[in-house]
Amino acid sequence: MVFSRKSTFTLEVQPTASGWGYLIRQEGRVVIDQPTIPVVPGQRSFATRQQAQRVGELVLTKMRAGRFPPTLSLPELDSLGAL
């Protein structure tokens, strides 16, 4: 996938069956569908909308900077209160 800094990315936070997740779209097309907390083993959704929003915003920042994949680390998730 090719991303340019001029691409329009949007973040949508949405409920899942067990909590919250997020979608990131590029020019309207879904490029990331994240219903669970990335990096964390298992299939655990974010407990709150705010957690999903904060993590999604960090991923969006990385993508807007041209990083793909926008890999996250456990310390980043911890600093955002998502663990």
Protein backbone atom coordinates (compact mmCIF):
# COMPACT_ATOMS: atom_id res chain seq x y z
CA MET A 1 0.00 0.00 0.00
CA VAL A 2 1.26 3.44 -0.84
CA PHE A 3 0.55 6.36 1.45
CA SER A 4 1.45 9.93 0.80
CA ARG A 5 1.35 12.80 3.23
CA LYS A 6 -1.29 14.38 0.99
CA SER A 7 -3.68 11.46 1.46
CA THR A 8 -6.82 12.13 3.42
CA PHE A 9 -7.11 9.77 6.37
CA THR A 10 -10.08 9.59 8.72
CA LEU A 11 -10.62 7.80 12.00
CA GLU A 12 -13.90 6.23 13.07
CA VAL A 13 -14.32 4.81 16.56
CA GLN A 14 -17.09 2.24 16.79
CA PRO A 15 -18.57 -0.26 19.21
CA THR A 16 -17.67 -3.94 18.89
CA ALA A 17 -19.34 -6.99 20.38
CA SER A 18 -17.11 -6.73 23.46
CA GLY A 19 -16.05 -3.06 23.69
CA TRP A 20 -14.62 -0.56 21.21
CA GLY A 21 -12.46 -0.56 18.10
CA TYR A 22 -11.58 1.75 15.25
CA LEU A 23 -11.42 2.05 11.48
CA ILE A 24 -8.99 4.17 9.52
CA ARG A 25 -9.93 5.16 6.00
CA GLN A 26 -7.82 6.59 3.22
CA GLU A 27 -9.81 8.58 0.68
CA GLY A 28 -12.94 6.82 2.02
CA ARG A 29 -11.55 3.25 1.67
CA VAL A 30 -10.95 1.19 4.82
CA VAL A 31 -7.22 0.55 5.24
CA ILE A 32 -7.23 -0.53 8.90
CA ASP A 33 -10.09 -2.29 10.70
CA GLN A 34 -8.94 -2.70 14.31
CA PRO A 35 -11.66 -4.28 16.49
CA THR A 36 -9.12 -5.44 19.10
CA ILE A 37 -6.17 -3.94 20.96
CA PRO A 38 -3.10 -4.33 18.72
CA VAL A 39 0.09 -5.94 20.12
CA VAL A 40 -1.84 -7.53 23.02
CA PRO A 41 -2.28 -11.31 22.71
CA GLY A 42 -5.84 -12.53 22.38
CA GLN A 43 -8.93 -10.84 21.06
CA ARG A 44 -9.52 -8.08 23.62
CA SER A 45 -11.37 -4.94 22.48
CA PHE A 46 -10.70 -1.53 23.99
CA ALA A 47 -12.67 -1.08 27.23
CA THR A 48 -13.69 2.51 26.45
CA ARG A 49 -14.36 4.70 23.45
CA GLN A 50 -11.64 7.07 24.68
CA GLN A 51 -8.98 4.33 24.65
CA ALA A 52 -9.84 3.38 21.07
CA GLN A 53 -9.84 7.07 20.09
CA ARG A 54 -6.39 7.77 21.59
CA VAL A 55 -4.79 4.71 20.01
CA GLY A 56 -6.48 5.36 16.67
CA GLU A 57 -5.19 8.95 16.71
CA LEU A 58 -1.63 7.73 17.30
CA VAL A 59 -1.91 5.29 14.39
CA LEU A 60 -3.34 8.08 12.25
CA THR A 61 -0.41 10.34 13.16
CA LYS A 62 2.05 7.65 12.11
CA MET A 63 0.23 7.08 8.82
CA ARG A 64 0.11 10.80 8.05
CA ALA A 65 3.88 10.82 8.59
CA GLY A 66 4.19 8.13 5.89
CA ARG A 67 4.77 5.15 8.20
CA PHE A 68 3.18 1.90 7.14
CA PRO A 69 2.66 -0.32 8.84
CA PRO A 70 2.08 2.06 11.74
CA THR A 71 3.41 -0.41 14.30
CA LEU A 72 2.58 0.17 17.97
CA SER A 73 4.47 -0.97 21.05
CA LEU A 74 3.30 -2.03 24.50
CA PRO A 75 4.89 1.09 26.09
CA GLU A 76 2.95 3.30 23.65
CA LEU A 77 -0.31 1.55 24.48
CA ASP A 78 0.45 1.82 28.19
CA SER A 79 1.21 5.55 27.91
CA LEU A 80 -2.18 6.04 26.24
CA GLY A 81 -3.97 4.16 29.04
CA ALA A 82 -5.09 1.40 26.68
CA LEU A 83 -3.79 -1.58 28.68
